[in-house]
Every structure is written in C-alpha cells, then in structure tokens.
Amino acid sequence: MSIPTQMSLVGFIASDPDLHFTTAGAEYLRVRVGVEQWRREVDGNFTKLDPTFHDMVAFESTARETYARFRKGDTFVASGYIHEYEVERRDGSSVIKEEFVARNIGHNVNKTAYEVQRRRLEPTAPAPQTSPATASPAVGF
C-alpha cells in the first residue's frame, strides 16, 4: 500500500485573514498568500526573486482555526488542493482563476518560534504493572 499524500503549499500570509459565512451559516476564510521564489545559479548559489501571490481559502474548522491563529506575515505549511473556477469579466469574456483550498494548515516550524501545548490524554485502560526485574528493554526506537 502506498503512502497517501496531498498537494502542499508553503508560504506566508500576505493579507489579514477574512472570515465569512455562507447563507447557511458555514464558515469560510479567504486570505492572500505569498510564496517565496528562488533561482539556482550556474555556480550553485541561489538568487531570491520576487514572491508570487495567490488566493487561499479554507472551510469550517480549518477556517475558524486559521482565522484565530494566523496573522499577516506568519509563515505556514498547508495541505489541500487547487480549485479552478471561471470568472466573467465586465467585457463579457471570461478568465480561469485558481485558489488553494487548505484542508490542513500549520505554522512553518523552520521559520516560526513557538511552544507546543499538548492536551493531557486520559488513559483508556490502566497500563500493565511491571517490576524493574521483569521489564524488557525497549527495542527498535
């Protein structure tokens, strides 16, 4: 069985996240994001180019959490997919646009300093009791 993967996007929040509600009351978030661009030179060095900017959207709990936890300038890693849609222009012609739909998003650990606050999990069953003399050493990891 192969490892399940999704498309990802690494970037920074370029505009203030904007939380909206559908007519049915479902939350969705729209935000402009930037993606840093680099060019590899013949000598092996990299030259930083101007970033590209894109639309990102999230729905329901991802929208709520993104709105609560992210601010303009934050770096992120998101997984999801690209949604293409057609927009009609004023002159009657149409253009295809795209947006990244974030299913999951988190701060980029390579560029963000933070502390993890873990929730305490309640054990579902008591752990077996072993004495030091009968305990076997950990194997593998």
N, C-alpha and C. Protein backbone atom coordinates (compact mmCIF):
# COMPACT_ATOMS: atom_id res chain seq x y z
N MET A 1 0.85 -1.18 0.00
CA MET A 1 0.00 0.00 0.00
C MET A 1 0.89 1.24 0.00
N SER A 2 0.60 2.18 -0.86
CA SER A 2 1.42 3.39 -0.95
C SER A 2 1.02 4.40 0.12
N ILE A 3 1.91 5.31 0.39
CA ILE A 3 1.66 6.36 1.38
C ILE A 3 0.71 7.39 0.78
N PRO A 4 -0.41 7.69 1.45
CA PRO A 4 -1.32 8.70 0.91
C PRO A 4 -0.72 10.10 1.05
N THR A 5 -0.75 10.86 -0.01
CA THR A 5 -0.19 12.21 0.01
C THR A 5 -1.21 13.21 -0.50
N GLN A 6 -0.96 14.48 -0.22
CA GLN A 6 -1.77 15.59 -0.74
C GLN A 6 -0.82 16.67 -1.23
N MET A 7 -1.35 17.54 -2.06
CA MET A 7 -0.61 18.70 -2.51
C MET A 7 -0.36 19.62 -1.31
N SER A 8 0.76 20.30 -1.31
CA SER A 8 1.04 21.23 -0.22
C SER A 8 1.46 22.58 -0.77
N LEU A 9 1.34 23.58 0.08
CA LEU A 9 1.73 24.95 -0.24
C LEU A 9 2.48 25.51 0.96
N VAL A 10 3.67 26.05 0.71
CA VAL A 10 4.48 26.67 1.75
C VAL A 10 4.57 28.15 1.41
N GLY A 11 4.23 29.01 2.36
CA GLY A 11 4.25 30.43 2.06
C GLY A 11 4.09 31.29 3.30
N PHE A 12 3.63 32.52 3.08
CA PHE A 12 3.39 33.45 4.18
C PHE A 12 2.04 34.14 3.95
N ILE A 13 1.43 34.52 5.06
CA ILE A 13 0.13 35.21 5.00
C ILE A 13 0.41 36.65 4.56
N ALA A 14 -0.16 37.05 3.42
CA ALA A 14 0.13 38.37 2.84
C ALA A 14 -0.96 39.40 3.14
N SER A 15 -2.14 38.96 3.56
CA SER A 15 -3.22 39.89 3.91
C SER A 15 -3.86 39.42 5.21
N ASP A 16 -4.61 40.30 5.84
CA ASP A 16 -5.31 39.89 7.05
C ASP A 16 -6.33 38.82 6.69
N PRO A 17 -6.35 37.69 7.42
CA PRO A 17 -7.36 36.66 7.14
C PRO A 17 -8.77 37.23 7.30
N ASP A 18 -9.66 36.86 6.40
CA ASP A 18 -11.01 37.41 6.35
C ASP A 18 -12.01 36.26 6.47
N LEU A 19 -12.72 36.21 7.61
CA LEU A 19 -13.68 35.14 7.87
C LEU A 19 -15.06 35.56 7.36
N HIS A 20 -15.71 34.67 6.61
CA HIS A 20 -17.04 34.93 6.05
C HIS A 20 -17.97 33.80 6.45
N PHE A 21 -19.25 34.00 6.19
CA PHE A 21 -20.26 32.98 6.45
C PHE A 21 -21.14 32.82 5.22
N THR A 22 -21.44 31.56 4.89
CA THR A 22 -22.36 31.31 3.78
C THR A 22 -23.78 31.63 4.25
N THR A 23 -24.71 31.61 3.31
CA THR A 23 -26.11 31.86 3.69
C THR A 23 -26.62 30.78 4.64
N ALA A 24 -26.01 29.59 4.59
CA ALA A 24 -26.39 28.50 5.50
C ALA A 24 -25.67 28.59 6.84
N GLY A 25 -24.77 29.58 7.00
CA GLY A 25 -24.07 29.77 8.27
C GLY A 25 -22.73 29.08 8.39
N ALA A 26 -22.26 28.43 7.33
CA ALA A 26 -20.96 27.75 7.37
C ALA A 26 -19.83 28.77 7.22
N GLU A 27 -18.77 28.57 7.98
CA GLU A 27 -17.62 29.48 7.92
C GLU A 27 -16.72 29.16 6.74
N TYR A 28 -16.18 30.21 6.15
CA TYR A 28 -15.10 30.06 5.18
C TYR A 28 -14.18 31.25 5.30
N LEU A 29 -12.91 31.02 5.00
CA LEU A 29 -11.87 32.04 5.16
C LEU A 29 -11.21 32.29 3.82
N ARG A 30 -10.98 33.54 3.53
CA ARG A 30 -10.22 33.94 2.34
C ARG A 30 -9.01 34.73 2.82
N VAL A 31 -7.88 34.46 2.17
CA VAL A 31 -6.65 35.18 2.52
C VAL A 31 -5.74 35.18 1.30
N ARG A 32 -4.98 36.22 1.16
CA ARG A 32 -3.96 36.30 0.10
C ARG A 32 -2.67 35.78 0.70
N VAL A 33 -1.98 34.90 -0.02
CA VAL A 33 -0.73 34.33 0.48
C VAL A 33 0.39 34.61 -0.51
N GLY A 34 1.60 34.67 0.01
CA GLY A 34 2.78 34.85 -0.82
C GLY A 34 3.64 33.60 -0.77
N VAL A 35 4.32 33.33 -1.87
CA VAL A 35 5.22 32.19 -1.96
C VAL A 35 6.58 32.71 -2.41
N GLU A 36 7.60 32.47 -1.59
CA GLU A 36 8.95 32.91 -1.94
C GLU A 36 9.46 32.13 -3.13
N GLN A 37 10.19 32.80 -4.01
CA GLN A 37 10.73 32.18 -5.22
C GLN A 37 12.25 32.34 -5.22
N TRP A 38 12.93 31.30 -5.65
CA TRP A 38 14.39 31.31 -5.72
C TRP A 38 14.83 30.75 -7.07
N ARG A 39 15.95 31.24 -7.56
CA ARG A 39 16.53 30.73 -8.80
C ARG A 39 17.92 30.20 -8.50
N ARG A 40 18.17 28.97 -8.94
CA ARG A 40 19.51 28.40 -8.76
C ARG A 40 20.42 28.89 -9.89
N GLU A 41 21.56 29.42 -9.51
CA GLU A 41 22.52 29.96 -10.47
C GLU A 41 23.48 28.86 -10.92
N VAL A 42 24.21 29.12 -12.00
CA VAL A 42 25.16 28.16 -12.56
C VAL A 42 26.22 27.78 -11.53
N ASP A 43 26.63 28.74 -10.69
CA ASP A 43 27.68 28.46 -9.70
C ASP A 43 27.16 27.72 -8.47
N GLY A 44 25.86 27.39 -8.44
CA GLY A 44 25.29 26.65 -7.32
C GLY A 44 24.63 27.52 -6.27
N ASN A 45 24.85 28.83 -6.30
CA ASN A 45 24.20 29.74 -5.37
C ASN A 45 22.75 29.97 -5.78
N PHE A 46 21.99 30.55 -4.86
CA PHE A 46 20.58 30.85 -5.14
C PHE A 46 20.35 32.36 -5.09
N THR A 47 19.52 32.85 -5.98
CA THR A 47 19.14 34.25 -6.01
C THR A 47 17.66 34.34 -5.64
N LYS A 48 17.36 35.18 -4.65
CA LYS A 48 15.97 35.36 -4.24
C LYS A 48 15.25 36.24 -5.25
N LEU A 49 14.10 35.79 -5.71
CA LEU A 49 13.27 36.53 -6.66
C LEU A 49 12.09 37.14 -5.92
N ASP A 50 11.30 37.93 -6.62
CA ASP A 50 10.09 38.48 -6.03
C ASP A 50 9.11 37.34 -5.74
N PRO A 51 8.37 37.44 -4.64
CA PRO A 51 7.40 36.38 -4.34
C PRO A 51 6.22 36.43 -5.31
N THR A 52 5.53 35.30 -5.43
CA THR A 52 4.28 35.26 -6.18
C THR A 52 3.15 35.30 -5.16
N PHE A 53 1.99 35.80 -5.56
CA PHE A 53 0.86 35.93 -4.64
C PHE A 53 -0.34 35.17 -5.19
N HIS A 54 -1.07 34.54 -4.26
CA HIS A 54 -2.16 33.64 -4.64
C HIS A 54 -3.30 33.76 -3.63
N ASP A 55 -4.47 33.26 -4.03
CA ASP A 55 -5.61 33.22 -3.13
C ASP A 55 -5.64 31.87 -2.43
N MET A 56 -5.98 31.89 -1.15
CA MET A 56 -6.16 30.66 -0.40
C MET A 56 -7.50 30.74 0.32
N VAL A 57 -8.18 29.62 0.41
CA VAL A 57 -9.48 29.55 1.07
C VAL A 57 -9.47 28.32 1.97
N ALA A 58 -10.24 28.39 3.06
CA ALA A 58 -10.41 27.26 3.97
C ALA A 58 -11.86 27.26 4.44
N PHE A 59 -12.34 26.11 4.84
CA PHE A 59 -13.74 25.97 5.25
C PHE A 59 -13.85 25.38 6.64
N GLU A 60 -14.98 25.65 7.27
CA GLU A 60 -15.37 25.08 8.56
C GLU A 60 -14.28 25.21 9.62
N SER A 61 -13.87 24.09 10.26
CA SER A 61 -12.93 24.19 11.38
C SER A 61 -11.57 24.72 10.94
N THR A 62 -11.13 24.39 9.74
CA THR A 62 -9.85 24.93 9.26
C THR A 62 -9.94 26.44 9.10
N ALA A 63 -11.09 26.94 8.65
CA ALA A 63 -11.29 28.39 8.54
C ALA A 63 -11.27 29.05 9.91
N ARG A 64 -11.98 28.48 10.87
CA ARG A 64 -12.02 29.05 12.23
C ARG A 64 -10.64 29.09 12.86
N GLU A 65 -9.91 27.98 12.78
CA GLU A 65 -8.60 27.91 13.42
C GLU A 65 -7.58 28.80 12.72
N THR A 66 -7.64 28.87 11.41
CA THR A 66 -6.73 29.75 10.67
C THR A 66 -6.99 31.20 11.04
N TYR A 67 -8.26 31.58 11.12
CA TYR A 67 -8.62 32.96 11.48
C TYR A 67 -8.14 33.28 12.91
N ALA A 68 -8.26 32.33 13.82
CA ALA A 68 -7.88 32.56 15.21
C ALA A 68 -6.37 32.57 15.43
N ARG A 69 -5.62 31.81 14.64
CA ARG A 69 -4.20 31.59 14.93
C ARG A 69 -3.20 32.26 14.00
N PHE A 70 -3.65 32.75 12.85
CA PHE A 70 -2.72 33.31 11.88
C PHE A 70 -2.93 34.81 11.70
N ARG A 71 -1.83 35.50 11.49
CA ARG A 71 -1.84 36.94 11.23
C ARG A 71 -0.98 37.22 10.01
N LYS A 72 -1.16 38.39 9.45
CA LYS A 72 -0.36 38.83 8.31
C LYS A 72 1.12 38.70 8.67
N GLY A 73 1.90 38.08 7.78
CA GLY A 73 3.33 37.88 7.99
C GLY A 73 3.70 36.51 8.50
N ASP A 74 2.75 35.75 9.07
CA ASP A 74 3.04 34.41 9.56
C ASP A 74 3.39 33.48 8.39
N THR A 75 4.34 32.57 8.63
CA THR A 75 4.67 31.57 7.62
C THR A 75 3.88 30.30 7.92
N PHE A 76 3.56 29.54 6.87
CA PHE A 76 2.71 28.37 7.04
C PHE A 76 3.11 27.26 6.08
N VAL A 77 2.61 26.07 6.40
CA VAL A 77 2.62 24.92 5.51
C VAL A 77 1.18 24.42 5.51
N ALA A 78 0.59 24.30 4.31
CA ALA A 78 -0.80 23.86 4.20
C ALA A 78 -0.89 22.69 3.23
N SER A 79 -1.81 21.78 3.51
CA SER A 79 -2.09 20.71 2.57
C SER A 79 -3.52 20.87 2.08
N GLY A 80 -3.73 20.49 0.82
CA GLY A 80 -5.06 20.64 0.24
C GLY A 80 -5.02 20.40 -1.25
N TYR A 81 -5.69 21.27 -1.99
CA TYR A 81 -5.76 21.10 -3.45
C TYR A 81 -6.01 22.44 -4.11
N ILE A 82 -5.83 22.49 -5.43
CA ILE A 82 -6.09 23.70 -6.21
C ILE A 82 -7.48 23.60 -6.81
N HIS A 83 -8.25 24.66 -6.64
CA HIS A 83 -9.59 24.76 -7.21
C HIS A 83 -9.56 25.80 -8.32
N GLU A 84 -9.92 25.39 -9.51
CA GLU A 84 -10.01 26.32 -10.64
C GLU A 84 -11.47 26.69 -10.86
N TYR A 85 -11.70 27.97 -11.19
CA TYR A 85 -13.06 28.42 -11.45
C TYR A 85 -13.03 29.52 -12.50
N GLU A 86 -14.15 29.73 -13.13
CA GLU A 86 -14.25 30.69 -14.22
C GLU A 86 -14.94 31.96 -13.72
N VAL A 87 -14.37 33.10 -14.09
CA VAL A 87 -14.92 34.39 -13.70
C VAL A 87 -15.22 35.18 -14.97
N GLU A 88 -16.41 35.73 -15.03
CA GLU A 88 -16.77 36.53 -16.20
C GLU A 88 -16.32 37.97 -15.98
N ARG A 89 -15.68 38.52 -17.01
CA ARG A 89 -15.21 39.91 -16.95
C ARG A 89 -16.35 40.85 -17.37
N ARG A 90 -16.14 42.12 -17.14
CA ARG A 90 -17.15 43.13 -17.49
C ARG A 90 -17.40 43.20 -19.00
N ASP A 91 -16.35 42.88 -19.77
CA ASP A 91 -16.49 42.95 -21.22
C ASP A 91 -17.17 41.71 -21.81
N GLY A 92 -17.60 40.78 -20.95
CA GLY A 92 -18.28 39.58 -21.42
C GLY A 92 -17.38 38.38 -21.59
N SER A 93 -16.07 38.58 -21.65
CA SER A 93 -15.15 37.45 -21.75
C SER A 93 -14.99 36.82 -20.36
N SER A 94 -14.36 35.66 -20.33
CA SER A 94 -14.15 35.00 -19.05
C SER A 94 -12.68 34.63 -18.90
N VAL A 95 -12.29 34.43 -17.67
CA VAL A 95 -10.92 34.06 -17.34
C VAL A 95 -10.98 32.96 -16.28
N ILE A 96 -10.04 32.02 -16.38
CA ILE A 96 -9.93 30.94 -15.39
C ILE A 96 -9.02 31.44 -14.27
N LYS A 97 -9.51 31.33 -13.03
CA LYS A 97 -8.72 31.70 -11.85
C LYS A 97 -8.52 30.45 -11.01
N GLU A 98 -7.59 30.54 -10.08
CA GLU A 98 -7.36 29.41 -9.19
C GLU A 98 -7.13 29.89 -7.77
N GLU A 99 -7.44 29.00 -6.83
CA GLU A 99 -7.22 29.26 -5.42
C GLU A 99 -6.78 27.96 -4.77
N PHE A 100 -5.97 28.07 -3.73
CA PHE A 100 -5.56 26.89 -2.99
C PHE A 100 -6.56 26.67 -1.88
N VAL A 101 -7.14 25.48 -1.81
CA VAL A 101 -8.09 25.13 -0.76
C VAL A 101 -7.31 24.37 0.32
N ALA A 102 -7.15 25.00 1.47
CA ALA A 102 -6.39 24.40 2.57
C ALA A 102 -7.30 23.51 3.39
N ARG A 103 -6.95 22.23 3.44
CA ARG A 103 -7.67 21.30 4.31
C ARG A 103 -7.03 21.27 5.69
N ASN A 104 -5.71 21.41 5.74
CA ASN A 104 -4.94 21.45 6.99
C ASN A 104 -3.90 22.55 6.85
N ILE A 105 -3.60 23.22 7.95
CA ILE A 105 -2.61 24.28 7.91
C ILE A 105 -1.93 24.38 9.27
N GLY A 106 -0.64 24.70 9.24
CA GLY A 106 0.11 24.91 10.47
C GLY A 106 1.23 25.89 10.23
N HIS A 107 1.77 26.42 11.31
CA HIS A 107 2.90 27.33 11.18
C HIS A 107 4.13 26.57 10.68
N ASN A 108 4.94 27.22 9.89
CA ASN A 108 6.16 26.61 9.35
C ASN A 108 7.20 26.54 10.47
N VAL A 109 7.56 25.34 10.90
CA VAL A 109 8.48 25.17 12.02
C VAL A 109 9.89 25.66 11.69
N ASN A 110 10.23 25.77 10.41
CA ASN A 110 11.56 26.25 10.03
C ASN A 110 11.70 27.76 10.21
N LYS A 111 10.58 28.47 10.33
CA LYS A 111 10.64 29.93 10.40
C LYS A 111 9.84 30.51 11.56
N THR A 112 9.24 29.68 12.39
CA THR A 112 8.38 30.16 13.47
C THR A 112 8.86 29.60 14.80
N ALA A 113 9.05 30.48 15.78
CA ALA A 113 9.38 30.04 17.13
C ALA A 113 8.07 29.93 17.91
N TYR A 114 7.86 28.77 18.53
CA TYR A 114 6.64 28.58 19.30
C TYR A 114 6.82 27.45 20.30
N GLU A 115 5.88 27.34 21.22
CA GLU A 115 5.86 26.25 22.18
C GLU A 115 4.60 25.43 21.95
N VAL A 116 4.74 24.14 22.07
CA VAL A 116 3.59 23.25 21.89
C VAL A 116 2.92 23.05 23.24
N GLN A 117 1.62 23.23 23.29
CA GLN A 117 0.83 22.96 24.49
C GLN A 117 -0.01 21.72 24.20
N ARG A 118 0.45 20.60 24.72
CA ARG A 118 -0.23 19.34 24.47
C ARG A 118 -1.38 19.16 25.44
N ARG A 119 -2.45 18.57 24.93
CA ARG A 119 -3.58 18.23 25.78
C ARG A 119 -3.24 16.94 26.50
N ARG A 120 -3.61 16.86 27.76
CA ARG A 120 -3.38 15.63 28.52
C ARG A 120 -4.44 14.62 28.10
N LEU A 121 -3.97 13.47 27.66
CA LEU A 121 -4.87 12.41 27.25
C LEU A 121 -5.18 11.51 28.44
N GLU A 122 -6.43 11.19 28.61
CA GLU A 122 -6.83 10.28 29.67
C GLU A 122 -6.62 8.85 29.18
N PRO A 123 -5.96 8.01 29.97
CA PRO A 123 -5.76 6.63 29.54
C PRO A 123 -7.10 5.89 29.44
N THR A 124 -7.25 5.04 28.43
CA THR A 124 -8.49 4.29 28.27
C THR A 124 -8.48 3.02 29.09
N ALA A 125 -7.30 2.50 29.38
CA ALA A 125 -7.17 1.30 30.22
C ALA A 125 -5.91 1.45 31.05
N PRO A 126 -5.92 0.89 32.25
CA PRO A 126 -4.69 1.01 33.06
C PRO A 126 -3.52 0.30 32.40
N ALA A 127 -2.36 0.89 32.53
CA ALA A 127 -1.15 0.30 31.98
C ALA A 127 -0.78 -0.93 32.78
N PRO A 128 -0.25 -1.97 32.14
CA PRO A 128 0.14 -3.18 32.89
C PRO A 128 1.28 -2.85 33.84
N GLN A 129 1.23 -3.47 35.01
CA GLN A 129 2.25 -3.25 36.02
C GLN A 129 3.41 -4.20 35.77
N THR A 130 4.63 -3.65 35.72
CA THR A 130 5.82 -4.48 35.59
C THR A 130 6.83 -4.03 36.62
N SER A 131 7.59 -4.96 37.09
CA SER A 131 8.64 -4.61 38.03
C SER A 131 9.93 -4.42 37.23
N PRO A 132 10.90 -3.68 37.75
CA PRO A 132 12.15 -3.48 37.02
C PRO A 132 12.84 -4.78 36.66
N ALA A 133 12.69 -5.80 37.46
CA ALA A 133 13.36 -7.08 37.20
C ALA A 133 12.73 -7.81 36.01
N THR A 134 11.43 -7.62 35.78
CA THR A 134 10.76 -8.35 34.70
C THR A 134 10.54 -7.52 33.48
N ALA A 135 10.81 -6.23 33.56
CA ALA A 135 10.58 -5.35 32.40
C ALA A 135 11.60 -5.67 31.32
N SER A 136 11.14 -5.74 30.08
CA SER A 136 12.06 -5.99 28.98
C SER A 136 12.57 -4.67 28.42
N PRO A 137 13.80 -4.65 27.93
CA PRO A 137 14.33 -3.38 27.39
C PRO A 137 13.61 -3.01 26.10
N ALA A 138 13.57 -1.71 25.83
CA ALA A 138 12.94 -1.20 24.60
C ALA A 138 13.78 -1.64 23.41
N VAL A 139 13.11 -2.02 22.35
CA VAL A 139 13.81 -2.48 21.15
C VAL A 139 13.40 -1.60 19.99
N GLY A 140 14.32 -1.24 19.13
CA GLY A 140 14.00 -0.53 17.90
C GLY A 140 14.27 0.95 17.99
N PHE A 141 13.37 1.66 18.58
CA PHE A 141 13.47 3.13 18.57
C PHE A 141 13.98 3.57 19.89
